[in-house]
């Protein structure tokens, strides 16, 4: 079970200033700002070792805040602390399953999670980004659909065309066409009674134990201001799904990303790539820091309450 407090891995100072959140849930703060610029977007072996050393023997079962979604790959390190069979449930605007380097990056960390034998299944939901659109899908891990190891439920997304890609049969989509050219029709949440659908999904999981990872970029801007694009879920819809998980499963770990922080990175390569990877039309820095913090803190409080209370 989740323990009744929160932990903040403080890479970027985005969460530690949310004083209502910090005080209400007796937060344990682990200072990592010195490694933050090296850990943002992706990890090398030295940064990973430093983070794991700081984590030490800290509890596995706290709700852990990671700061910006640029640090979502830290979820893979937190998952590595569990050995029991579990299902990973991810709420995100992006699938984070890219097969291209870097190996442990915020856009590829789900694939690292799938390498762990105790991760029996992964549910990706809230996805609506261009990462699964025609063209971009070519570097997605469609093979993970085999035997429904991964099920990806979009909130809404038009059909996707793939070239020379195998699309295994899956509960989350239907593919039609020839081998070299197939069209994927996604099983969308927006068309469903979300509580009923999600309850059925939870009852079909191979394990009662689950780990929940939330990137707030799956939410509309009125609920979260992030370093990434605007999602399509409402906060009410996300909370309903979290409550359904609690009613049907044992949440043994959880993390939350998607706060906003000014981008600071180490190394010229990372500076170039992060400028290319971050969406061009997103400029939260023009808003007051107090406004951004207030929006995100209100949502963080609601999410922790849904997970713990």
C-alpha atoms as a PDB file:
ATOM      1  CA  UNK A   1       0.000   0.000   0.000  1.00  0.00           C
ATOM      2  CA  UNK A   2       0.989   3.598  -0.496  1.00  0.00           C
ATOM      3  CA  UNK A   3       2.281   5.305   2.626  1.00  0.00           C
ATOM      4  CA  UNK A   4       0.465   8.460   3.789  1.00  0.00           C
ATOM      5  CA  UNK A   5       3.100  10.995   2.822  1.00  0.00           C
ATOM      6  CA  UNK A   6       4.820  12.261  -0.298  1.00  0.00           C
ATOM      7  CA  UNK A   7       8.407  12.334  -1.495  1.00  0.00           C
ATOM      8  CA  UNK A   8       9.893  15.004  -3.752  1.00  0.00           C
ATOM      9  CA  UNK A   9      12.923  14.230  -5.888  1.00  0.00           C
ATOM     10  CA  UNK A  10      13.949  17.858  -6.250  1.00  0.00           C
ATOM     11  CA  UNK A  11      15.626  18.094  -9.652  1.00  0.00           C
ATOM     12  CA  UNK A  12      14.294  21.523 -10.634  1.00  0.00           C
ATOM     13  CA  UNK A  13      12.672  23.364  -7.667  1.00  0.00           C
ATOM     14  CA  UNK A  14       9.242  23.105  -9.329  1.00  0.00           C
ATOM     15  CA  UNK A  15       7.537  21.237  -6.467  1.00  0.00           C
ATOM     16  CA  UNK A  16       9.375  22.309  -3.296  1.00  0.00           C
ATOM     17  CA  UNK A  17       7.874  25.813  -3.518  1.00  0.00           C
ATOM     18  CA  UNK A  18       4.337  24.405  -3.337  1.00  0.00           C
ATOM     19  CA  UNK A  19       4.085  24.944   0.392  1.00  0.00           C
ATOM     20  CA  UNK A  20       0.497  23.780   0.869  1.00  0.00           C
ATOM     21  CA  UNK A  21       1.379  20.450  -0.750  1.00  0.00           C
ATOM     22  CA  UNK A  22       4.672  20.090   1.124  1.00  0.00           C
ATOM     23  CA  UNK A  23       3.210  20.845   4.551  1.00  0.00           C
ATOM     24  CA  UNK A  24      -0.074  18.962   4.184  1.00  0.00           C
ATOM     25  CA  UNK A  25       1.597  15.678   3.295  1.00  0.00           C
ATOM     26  CA  UNK A  26       4.752  15.921   5.414  1.00  0.00           C
ATOM     27  CA  UNK A  27       6.967  15.743   2.353  1.00  0.00           C
ATOM     28  CA  UNK A  28      10.332  14.028   2.339  1.00  0.00           C
ATOM     29  CA  UNK A  29      12.567  16.121   0.071  1.00  0.00           C
ATOM     30  CA  UNK A  30      15.611  14.574  -1.591  1.00  0.00           C
ATOM     31  CA  UNK A  31      17.866  17.277  -3.019  1.00  0.00           C
ATOM     32  CA  UNK A  32      18.936  16.517  -6.605  1.00  0.00           C
ATOM     33  CA  UNK A  33      19.230  19.982  -8.149  1.00  0.00           C
ATOM     34  CA  UNK A  34      22.962  19.431  -8.628  1.00  0.00           C
ATOM     35  CA  UNK A  35      22.244  16.490 -10.950  1.00  0.00           C
ATOM     36  CA  UNK A  36      19.105  18.002 -12.507  1.00  0.00           C
ATOM     37  CA  UNK A  37      20.741  19.538 -15.623  1.00  0.00           C
ATOM     38  CA  UNK A  38      22.443  16.201 -16.354  1.00  0.00           C
ATOM     39  CA  UNK A  39      19.302  14.165 -15.681  1.00  0.00           C
ATOM     40  CA  UNK A  40      16.829  16.275 -17.662  1.00  0.00           C
ATOM     41  CA  UNK A  41      15.517  14.592 -20.843  1.00  0.00           C
ATOM     42  CA  UNK A  42      17.771  11.537 -20.442  1.00  0.00           C
ATOM     43  CA  UNK A  43      20.187   9.858 -18.029  1.00  0.00           C
ATOM     44  CA  UNK A  44      23.731   8.680 -18.485  1.00  0.00           C
ATOM     45  CA  UNK A  45      25.208   5.975 -16.239  1.00  0.00           C
ATOM     46  CA  UNK A  46      26.953   8.436 -13.906  1.00  0.00           C
ATOM     47  CA  UNK A  47      23.809  10.483 -13.273  1.00  0.00           C
ATOM     48  CA  UNK A  48      21.783   7.311 -12.741  1.00  0.00           C
ATOM     49  CA  UNK A  49      24.270   6.054 -10.157  1.00  0.00           C
ATOM     50  CA  UNK A  50      24.191   9.376  -8.334  1.00  0.00           C
ATOM     51  CA  UNK A  51      20.385   9.408  -8.182  1.00  0.00           C
ATOM     52  CA  UNK A  52      20.147   5.826  -6.962  1.00  0.00           C
ATOM     53  CA  UNK A  53      22.740   6.572  -4.295  1.00  0.00           C
ATOM     54  CA  UNK A  54      20.650   9.521  -3.068  1.00  0.00           C
ATOM     55  CA  UNK A  55      17.536   7.338  -3.004  1.00  0.00           C
ATOM     56  CA  UNK A  56      19.330   4.786  -0.849  1.00  0.00           C
ATOM     57  CA  UNK A  57      16.892   2.756   1.217  1.00  0.00           C
ATOM     58  CA  UNK A  58      14.069   5.301   0.948  1.00  0.00           C
ATOM     59  CA  UNK A  59      10.577   3.830   1.050  1.00  0.00           C
ATOM     60  CA  UNK A  60       9.372   2.327  -2.215  1.00  0.00           C
ATOM     61  CA  UNK A  61       5.745   3.093  -1.528  1.00  0.00           C
ATOM     62  CA  UNK A  62       5.484   6.862  -1.286  1.00  0.00           C
ATOM     63  CA  UNK A  63       3.794   9.054  -3.866  1.00  0.00           C
ATOM     64  CA  UNK A  64       6.900  10.540  -5.508  1.00  0.00           C
ATOM     65  CA  UNK A  65       7.035  13.877  -7.312  1.00  0.00           C
ATOM     66  CA  UNK A  66       9.660  14.194 -10.041  1.00  0.00           C
ATOM     67  CA  UNK A  67       9.113  17.786 -11.193  1.00  0.00           C
ATOM     68  CA  UNK A  68       8.983  18.545 -14.915  1.00  0.00           C
ATOM     69  CA  UNK A  69       7.922  15.842 -17.361  1.00  0.00           C
ATOM     70  CA  UNK A  70      11.491  16.126 -18.647  1.00  0.00           C
ATOM     71  CA  UNK A  71      12.313  13.807 -15.727  1.00  0.00           C
ATOM     72  CA  UNK A  72       9.645  11.167 -16.361  1.00  0.00           C
ATOM     73  CA  UNK A  73      12.309   8.543 -17.108  1.00  0.00           C
ATOM     74  CA  UNK A  74      13.160   8.516 -13.391  1.00  0.00           C
ATOM     75  CA  UNK A  75       9.994   6.410 -13.081  1.00  0.00           C
ATOM     76  CA  UNK A  76      12.020   3.510 -14.476  1.00  0.00           C
ATOM     77  CA  UNK A  77      14.480   3.799 -11.574  1.00  0.00           C
ATOM     78  CA  UNK A  78      11.637   3.829  -9.054  1.00  0.00           C
ATOM     79  CA  UNK A  79      10.092   0.768 -10.706  1.00  0.00           C
ATOM     80  CA  UNK A  80      13.426  -1.026 -10.352  1.00  0.00           C
ATOM     81  CA  UNK A  81      12.951  -1.009  -6.588  1.00  0.00           C
ATOM     82  CA  UNK A  82      10.083  -3.501  -6.872  1.00  0.00           C
ATOM     83  CA  UNK A  83      10.535  -7.218  -7.415  1.00  0.00           C
ATOM     84  CA  UNK A  84       6.974  -8.444  -7.029  1.00  0.00           C
ATOM     85  CA  UNK A  85       4.807  -8.954 -10.144  1.00  0.00           C
ATOM     86  CA  UNK A  86       2.939  -5.778 -11.029  1.00  0.00           C
ATOM     87  CA  UNK A  87       1.077  -3.872 -13.718  1.00  0.00           C
ATOM     88  CA  UNK A  88       2.320  -0.450 -14.759  1.00  0.00           C
ATOM     89  CA  UNK A  89      -0.435   2.103 -15.431  1.00  0.00           C
ATOM     90  CA  UNK A  90       0.702   5.325 -17.098  1.00  0.00           C
ATOM     91  CA  UNK A  91      -1.343   8.478 -17.665  1.00  0.00           C
ATOM     92  CA  UNK A  92       0.429  10.651 -20.228  1.00  0.00           C
ATOM     93  CA  UNK A  93      -0.123  12.743 -23.341  1.00  0.00           C
ATOM     94  CA  UNK A  94       2.813  10.871 -24.936  1.00  0.00           C
ATOM     95  CA  UNK A  95       3.426   7.097 -25.066  1.00  0.00           C
ATOM     96  CA  UNK A  96       7.125   7.370 -23.986  1.00  0.00           C
ATOM     97  CA  UNK A  97       7.919   4.171 -25.922  1.00  0.00           C
ATOM     98  CA  UNK A  98      10.303   5.400 -28.617  1.00  0.00           C
ATOM     99  CA  UNK A  99      12.773   2.738 -29.766  1.00  0.00           C
ATOM    100  CA  UNK A 100      15.451   5.266 -30.748  1.00  0.00           C
ATOM    101  CA  UNK A 101      18.265   6.430 -28.410  1.00  0.00           C
ATOM    102  CA  UNK A 102      18.780   7.647 -25.766  1.00  0.00           C
ATOM    103  CA  UNK A 103      18.181   4.396 -23.942  1.00  0.00           C
ATOM    104  CA  UNK A 104      16.886   5.906 -20.698  1.00  0.00           C
ATOM    105  CA  UNK A 105      15.101   9.070 -21.761  1.00  0.00           C
ATOM    106  CA  UNK A 106      11.762  10.665 -21.004  1.00  0.00           C
ATOM    107  CA  UNK A 107      10.529   9.549 -24.441  1.00  0.00           C
ATOM    108  CA  UNK A 108      11.667   5.934 -24.150  1.00  0.00           C
ATOM    109  CA  UNK A 109      11.480   4.963 -20.472  1.00  0.00           C
ATOM    110  CA  UNK A 110       8.420   2.728 -20.894  1.00  0.00           C
ATOM    111  CA  UNK A 111      10.567   0.346 -22.962  1.00  0.00           C
ATOM    112  CA  UNK A 112      13.034   0.099 -20.068  1.00  0.00           C
ATOM    113  CA  UNK A 113      10.143  -0.728 -17.763  1.00  0.00           C
ATOM    114  CA  UNK A 114       9.047  -3.506 -20.124  1.00  0.00           C
ATOM    115  CA  UNK A 115      12.486  -5.110 -19.819  1.00  0.00           C
ATOM    116  CA  UNK A 116      11.687  -5.888 -16.179  1.00  0.00           C
ATOM    117  CA  UNK A 117      10.248  -9.385 -15.938  1.00  0.00           C
ATOM    118  CA  UNK A 118       8.073  -8.480 -12.962  1.00  0.00           C
ATOM    119  CA  UNK A 119       6.240  -5.848 -15.054  1.00  0.00           C
ATOM    120  CA  UNK A 120       3.568  -8.169 -16.388  1.00  0.00           C
ATOM    121  CA  UNK A 121       1.607  -5.559 -18.294  1.00  0.00           C
ATOM    122  CA  UNK A 122       1.538  -1.859 -19.089  1.00  0.00           C
ATOM    123  CA  UNK A 123      -1.560   0.264 -19.636  1.00  0.00           C
ATOM    124  CA  UNK A 124      -0.862   3.586 -21.398  1.00  0.00           C
ATOM    125  CA  UNK A 125      -3.802   5.966 -21.354  1.00  0.00           C
ATOM    126  CA  UNK A 126      -4.640   9.585 -22.041  1.00  0.00           C
ATOM    127  CA  UNK A 127      -2.399   9.483 -25.112  1.00  0.00           C
ATOM    128  CA  UNK A 128      -3.329  12.003 -27.815  1.00  0.00           C
ATOM    129  CA  UNK A 129       0.023  13.316 -29.070  1.00  0.00           C
ATOM    130  CA  UNK A 130       1.554  13.313 -32.525  1.00  0.00           C
ATOM    131  CA  UNK A 131       3.944  10.604 -31.293  1.00  0.00           C
ATOM    132  CA  UNK A 132       1.435   7.984 -32.462  1.00  0.00           C
ATOM    133  CA  UNK A 133       0.492   9.731 -35.703  1.00  0.00           C
ATOM    134  CA  UNK A 134       1.471   8.687 -39.214  1.00  0.00           C
ATOM    135  CA  UNK A 135       5.230   9.007 -39.582  1.00  0.00           C
ATOM    136  CA  UNK A 136       6.077   9.302 -35.908  1.00  0.00           C
ATOM    137  CA  UNK A 137       4.585   5.878 -35.180  1.00  0.00           C
ATOM    138  CA  UNK A 138       7.462   4.305 -37.133  1.00  0.00           C
ATOM    139  CA  UNK A 139       9.736   4.660 -34.079  1.00  0.00           C
ATOM    140  CA  UNK A 140       7.107   3.492 -31.592  1.00  0.00           C
ATOM    141  CA  UNK A 141       7.256   0.098 -29.934  1.00  0.00           C
ATOM    142  CA  UNK A 142       4.253  -1.468 -31.661  1.00  0.00           C
ATOM    143  CA  UNK A 143       5.718  -4.932 -31.016  1.00  0.00           C
ATOM    144  CA  UNK A 144       4.857  -4.435 -27.356  1.00  0.00           C
ATOM    145  CA  UNK A 145       1.173  -4.939 -28.276  1.00  0.00           C
ATOM    146  CA  UNK A 146       1.918  -8.650 -28.724  1.00  0.00           C
ATOM    147  CA  UNK A 147      -0.184 -10.727 -26.302  1.00  0.00           C
ATOM    148  CA  UNK A 148      -1.556  -7.426 -24.976  1.00  0.00           C
ATOM    149  CA  UNK A 149       1.609  -6.833 -22.924  1.00  0.00           C
ATOM    150  CA  UNK A 150       1.003  -3.145 -23.645  1.00  0.00           C
ATOM    151  CA  UNK A 151      -2.424  -1.651 -24.216  1.00  0.00           C
ATOM    152  CA  UNK A 152      -2.503   1.963 -25.406  1.00  0.00           C
ATOM    153  CA  UNK A 153      -5.796   3.797 -25.000  1.00  0.00           C
ATOM    154  CA  UNK A 154      -5.920   7.207 -26.606  1.00  0.00           C
ATOM    155  CA  UNK A 155      -8.279   9.856 -25.316  1.00  0.00           C
ATOM    156  CA  UNK A 156      -8.792  10.827 -28.938  1.00  0.00           C
ATOM    157  CA  UNK A 157      -6.680  10.293 -32.041  1.00  0.00           C
ATOM    158  CA  UNK A 158      -7.327   9.964 -35.745  1.00  0.00           C
ATOM    159  CA  UNK A 159      -6.334   6.685 -37.455  1.00  0.00           C
ATOM    160  CA  UNK A 160      -2.612   6.155 -38.007  1.00  0.00           C
ATOM    161  CA  UNK A 161      -0.921   4.743 -41.113  1.00  0.00           C
ATOM    162  CA  UNK A 162       2.164   2.532 -40.680  1.00  0.00           C
ATOM    163  CA  UNK A 163       4.706   1.373 -43.253  1.00  0.00           C
ATOM    164  CA  UNK A 164       6.391  -2.037 -43.054  1.00  0.00           C
ATOM    165  CA  UNK A 165       5.453  -2.355 -39.368  1.00  0.00           C
ATOM    166  CA  UNK A 166       3.915  -5.368 -37.670  1.00  0.00           C
ATOM    167  CA  UNK A 167       0.847  -4.444 -35.651  1.00  0.00           C
ATOM    168  CA  UNK A 168      -0.012  -7.385 -33.380  1.00  0.00           C
ATOM    169  CA  UNK A 169      -3.689  -7.979 -32.596  1.00  0.00           C
ATOM    170  CA  UNK A 170      -4.633  -5.923 -29.539  1.00  0.00           C
ATOM    171  CA  UNK A 171      -7.567  -4.891 -27.382  1.00  0.00           C
ATOM    172  CA  UNK A 172      -6.535  -1.246 -27.777  1.00  0.00           C
ATOM    173  CA  UNK A 173      -6.749  -0.906 -31.550  1.00  0.00           C
ATOM    174  CA  UNK A 174      -7.721  -2.514 -34.836  1.00  0.00           C
ATOM    175  CA  UNK A 175      -5.369  -2.556 -37.824  1.00  0.00           C
ATOM    176  CA  UNK A 176      -6.400  -3.065 -41.424  1.00  0.00           C
ATOM    177  CA  UNK A 177      -4.479  -3.313 -44.661  1.00  0.00           C
ATOM    178  CA  UNK A 178      -1.548  -5.160 -46.179  1.00  0.00           C
ATOM    179  CA  UNK A 179       1.742  -5.924 -44.447  1.00  0.00           C
ATOM    180  CA  UNK A 180       3.604  -2.951 -45.891  1.00  0.00           C
ATOM    181  CA  UNK A 181       0.745  -0.464 -45.363  1.00  0.00           C
ATOM    182  CA  UNK A 182      -1.637  -0.692 -42.447  1.00  0.00           C
ATOM    183  CA  UNK A 183      -4.063   1.719 -40.839  1.00  0.00           C
ATOM    184  CA  UNK A 184      -4.534   1.644 -37.050  1.00  0.00           C
ATOM    185  CA  UNK A 185      -7.912   2.583 -35.621  1.00  0.00           C
ATOM    186  CA  UNK A 186      -7.505   3.468 -31.941  1.00  0.00           C
ATOM    187  CA  UNK A 187      -9.865   2.461 -29.140  1.00  0.00           C
ATOM    188  CA  UNK A 188     -10.643   5.973 -27.828  1.00  0.00           C
ATOM    189  CA  UNK A 189     -11.636   6.909 -24.281  1.00  0.00           C
ATOM    190  CA  UNK A 190     -13.729   9.866 -25.395  1.00  0.00           C
ATOM    191  CA  UNK A 191     -16.316   7.505 -26.858  1.00  0.00           C
ATOM    192  CA  UNK A 192     -16.747   5.563 -23.620  1.00  0.00           C
ATOM    193  CA  UNK A 193     -18.291   5.590 -20.197  1.00  0.00           C
ATOM    194  CA  UNK A 194     -14.857   6.053 -18.649  1.00  0.00           C
ATOM    195  CA  UNK A 195     -15.585   4.704 -15.123  1.00  0.00           C
ATOM    196  CA  UNK A 196     -17.243   1.550 -16.471  1.00  0.00           C
ATOM    197  CA  UNK A 197     -14.601   0.966 -19.140  1.00  0.00           C
ATOM    198  CA  UNK A 198     -11.741   1.483 -16.713  1.00  0.00           C
ATOM    199  CA  UNK A 199     -13.335  -0.814 -14.120  1.00  0.00           C
ATOM    200  CA  UNK A 200     -13.509  -3.566 -16.732  1.00  0.00           C
ATOM    201  CA  UNK A 201      -9.901  -2.920 -17.675  1.00  0.00           C
ATOM    202  CA  UNK A 202      -8.764  -3.230 -14.050  1.00  0.00           C
ATOM    203  CA  UNK A 203     -10.582  -6.521 -13.607  1.00  0.00           C
ATOM    204  CA  UNK A 204      -8.672  -7.964 -16.580  1.00  0.00           C
ATOM    205  CA  UNK A 205      -5.181  -7.163 -15.252  1.00  0.00           C
ATOM    206  CA  UNK A 206      -2.766 -10.067 -14.641  1.00  0.00           C
ATOM    207  CA  UNK A 207      -1.894  -8.713 -11.179  1.00  0.00           C
ATOM    208  CA  UNK A 208      -3.767  -6.942  -8.430  1.00  0.00           C
ATOM    209  CA  UNK A 209      -0.623  -4.983  -7.579  1.00  0.00           C
ATOM    210  CA  UNK A 210      -0.100  -1.879  -9.716  1.00  0.00           C
ATOM    211  CA  UNK A 211       2.339   1.009 -10.043  1.00  0.00           C
ATOM    212  CA  UNK A 212       0.802   4.287 -11.233  1.00  0.00           C
ATOM    213  CA  UNK A 213       2.750   6.958 -13.124  1.00  0.00           C
ATOM    214  CA  UNK A 214       1.095  10.293 -13.956  1.00  0.00           C
ATOM    215  CA  UNK A 215       2.384  12.977 -16.284  1.00  0.00           C
ATOM    216  CA  UNK A 216       0.107  15.989 -15.926  1.00  0.00           C
ATOM    217  CA  UNK A 217       0.577  16.889 -19.582  1.00  0.00           C
ATOM    218  CA  UNK A 218      -2.313  14.483 -20.211  1.00  0.00           C
ATOM    219  CA  UNK A 219      -4.548  17.213 -18.717  1.00  0.00           C
ATOM    220  CA  UNK A 220      -6.021  20.344 -20.231  1.00  0.00           C
ATOM    221  CA  UNK A 221      -4.121  23.570 -19.511  1.00  0.00           C
ATOM    222  CA  UNK A 222      -6.675  24.749 -16.984  1.00  0.00           C
ATOM    223  CA  UNK A 223      -5.461  21.924 -14.717  1.00  0.00           C
ATOM    224  CA  UNK A 224      -1.734  21.742 -15.516  1.00  0.00           C
ATOM    225  CA  UNK A 225       0.915  24.014 -16.998  1.00  0.00           C
ATOM    226  CA  UNK A 226       3.846  21.907 -18.136  1.00  0.00           C
ATOM    227  CA  UNK A 227       6.935  21.963 -20.357  1.00  0.00           C
ATOM    228  CA  UNK A 228       4.945  20.073 -23.005  1.00  0.00           C
ATOM    229  CA  UNK A 229       1.757  20.267 -25.064  1.00  0.00           C
ATOM    230  CA  UNK A 230      -1.743  20.496 -23.667  1.00  0.00           C
ATOM    231  CA  UNK A 231      -3.544  17.211 -23.076  1.00  0.00           C
ATOM    232  CA  UNK A 232      -7.246  16.465 -23.439  1.00  0.00           C
ATOM    233  CA  UNK A 233      -8.287  14.880 -20.153  1.00  0.00           C
ATOM    234  CA  UNK A 234     -10.121  16.818 -17.464  1.00  0.00           C
ATOM    235  CA  UNK A 235      -8.934  16.541 -13.880  1.00  0.00           C
ATOM    236  CA  UNK A 236     -12.268  14.977 -12.957  1.00  0.00           C
ATOM    237  CA  UNK A 237     -11.772  12.206 -15.536  1.00  0.00           C
ATOM    238  CA  UNK A 238      -8.270  11.464 -14.271  1.00  0.00           C
ATOM    239  CA  UNK A 239      -9.401  11.359 -10.649  1.00  0.00           C
ATOM    240  CA  UNK A 240     -12.284   9.035 -11.527  1.00  0.00           C
ATOM    241  CA  UNK A 241      -9.809   6.609 -13.134  1.00  0.00           C
ATOM    242  CA  UNK A 242      -7.493   6.795 -10.102  1.00  0.00           C
ATOM    243  CA  UNK A 243     -10.415   5.991  -7.804  1.00  0.00           C
ATOM    244  CA  UNK A 244     -11.361   3.013  -9.976  1.00  0.00           C
ATOM    245  CA  UNK A 245      -7.783   1.741  -9.703  1.00  0.00           C
ATOM    246  CA  UNK A 246      -7.889   2.067  -5.896  1.00  0.00           C
ATOM    247  CA  UNK A 247     -11.211   0.230  -5.733  1.00  0.00           C
ATOM    248  CA  UNK A 248      -9.938  -2.717  -7.768  1.00  0.00           C
ATOM    249  CA  UNK A 249      -6.183  -2.883  -7.173  1.00  0.00           C
ATOM    250  CA  UNK A 250      -3.413  -2.469  -4.623  1.00  0.00           C
ATOM    251  CA  UNK A 251      -1.318   0.576  -5.586  1.00  0.00           C
ATOM    252  CA  UNK A 252       2.170  -0.210  -4.313  1.00  0.00           C
ATOM    253  CA  UNK A 253       3.924   2.803  -5.815  1.00  0.00           C
ATOM    254  CA  UNK A 254       3.135   6.012  -7.687  1.00  0.00           C
ATOM    255  CA  UNK A 255       4.859   9.012  -9.178  1.00  0.00           C
ATOM    256  CA  UNK A 256       3.714  12.354 -10.569  1.00  0.00           C
ATOM    257  CA  UNK A 257       5.484  14.550 -13.132  1.00  0.00           C
ATOM    258  CA  UNK A 258       4.379  17.461 -15.274  1.00  0.00           C
ATOM    259  CA  UNK A 259       5.207  20.507 -13.199  1.00  0.00           C
ATOM    260  CA  UNK A 260       6.866  23.368 -15.047  1.00  0.00           C
ATOM    261  CA  UNK A 261      10.468  24.491 -14.672  1.00  0.00           C
ATOM    262  CA  UNK A 262      12.753  26.632 -16.845  1.00  0.00           C
ATOM    263  CA  UNK A 263      14.946  24.341 -18.923  1.00  0.00           C
ATOM    264  CA  UNK A 264      18.521  23.989 -17.712  1.00  0.00           C
ATOM    265  CA  UNK A 265      20.665  21.223 -19.190  1.00  0.00           C
ATOM    266  CA  UNK A 266      24.290  20.148 -19.143  1.00  0.00           C
ATOM    267  CA  UNK A 267      26.199  19.641 -22.404  1.00  0.00           C
ATOM    268  CA  UNK A 268      25.906  21.105 -25.902  1.00  0.00           C
ATOM    269  CA  UNK A 269      24.305  17.974 -27.404  1.00  0.00           C
ATOM    270  CA  UNK A 270      21.515  17.979 -24.853  1.00  0.00           C
ATOM    271  CA  UNK A 271      20.952  21.716 -25.413  1.00  0.00           C
ATOM    272  CA  UNK A 272      20.508  21.125 -29.134  1.00  0.00           C
ATOM    273  CA  UNK A 273      18.264  18.090 -28.766  1.00  0.00           C
ATOM    274  CA  UNK A 274      16.052  19.569 -26.087  1.00  0.00           C
ATOM    275  CA  UNK A 275      15.467  22.634 -28.264  1.00  0.00           C
ATOM    276  CA  UNK A 276      14.348  20.319 -31.067  1.00  0.00           C
ATOM    277  CA  UNK A 277      12.285  17.989 -28.878  1.00  0.00           C
ATOM    278  CA  UNK A 278      10.336  20.505 -26.836  1.00  0.00           C
ATOM    279  CA  UNK A 279       7.195  21.763 -28.603  1.00  0.00           C
ATOM    280  CA  UNK A 280       7.684  25.157 -30.234  1.00  0.00           C
ATOM    281  CA  UNK A 281       4.296  26.648 -29.353  1.00  0.00           C
ATOM    282  CA  UNK A 282       4.521  26.133 -25.587  1.00  0.00           C
ATOM    283  CA  UNK A 283       5.667  29.183 -23.578  1.00  0.00           C
ATOM    284  CA  UNK A 284       4.661  28.906 -19.903  1.00  0.00           C
ATOM    285  CA  UNK A 285       7.559  31.194 -18.992  1.00  0.00           C
ATOM    286  CA  UNK A 286       5.493  34.200 -20.114  1.00  0.00           C
ATOM    287  CA  UNK A 287       3.072  33.512 -17.247  1.00  0.00           C
ATOM    288  CA  UNK A 288       3.821  34.548 -13.687  1.00  0.00           C
ATOM    289  CA  UNK A 289       5.562  31.870 -11.654  1.00  0.00           C
ATOM    290  CA  UNK A 290       2.945  32.260  -8.897  1.00  0.00           C
ATOM    291  CA  UNK A 291       0.124  31.564 -11.371  1.00  0.00           C
ATOM    292  CA  UNK A 292       1.849  28.496 -12.814  1.00  0.00           C
ATOM    293  CA  UNK A 293       2.681  27.176  -9.361  1.00  0.00           C
ATOM    294  CA  UNK A 294      -0.883  27.760  -8.146  1.00  0.00           C
ATOM    295  CA  UNK A 295      -2.473  25.831 -11.030  1.00  0.00           C
ATOM    296  CA  UNK A 296      -0.098  22.899 -10.650  1.00  0.00           C
ATOM    297  CA  UNK A 297      -0.248  22.788  -6.857  1.00  0.00           C
ATOM    298  CA  UNK A 298      -4.045  22.681  -6.852  1.00  0.00           C
ATOM    299  CA  UNK A 299      -3.961  19.696  -9.215  1.00  0.00           C
ATOM    300  CA  UNK A 300      -1.152  18.003  -7.273  1.00  0.00           C
ATOM    301  CA  UNK A 301      -3.203  18.256  -4.084  1.00  0.00           C
ATOM    302  CA  UNK A 302      -6.216  16.733  -5.830  1.00  0.00           C
ATOM    303  CA  UNK A 303      -4.154  13.864  -7.264  1.00  0.00           C
ATOM    304  CA  UNK A 304      -2.498  13.006  -3.954  1.00  0.00           C
ATOM    305  CA  UNK A 305      -5.890  13.100  -2.233  1.00  0.00           C
ATOM    306  CA  UNK A 306      -7.280  10.685  -4.842  1.00  0.00           C
ATOM    307  CA  UNK A 307      -4.325   8.321  -4.304  1.00  0.00           C
ATOM    308  CA  UNK A 308      -4.120   8.454  -0.510  1.00  0.00           C
ATOM    309  CA  UNK A 309      -7.372   9.601   1.105  1.00  0.00           C
END
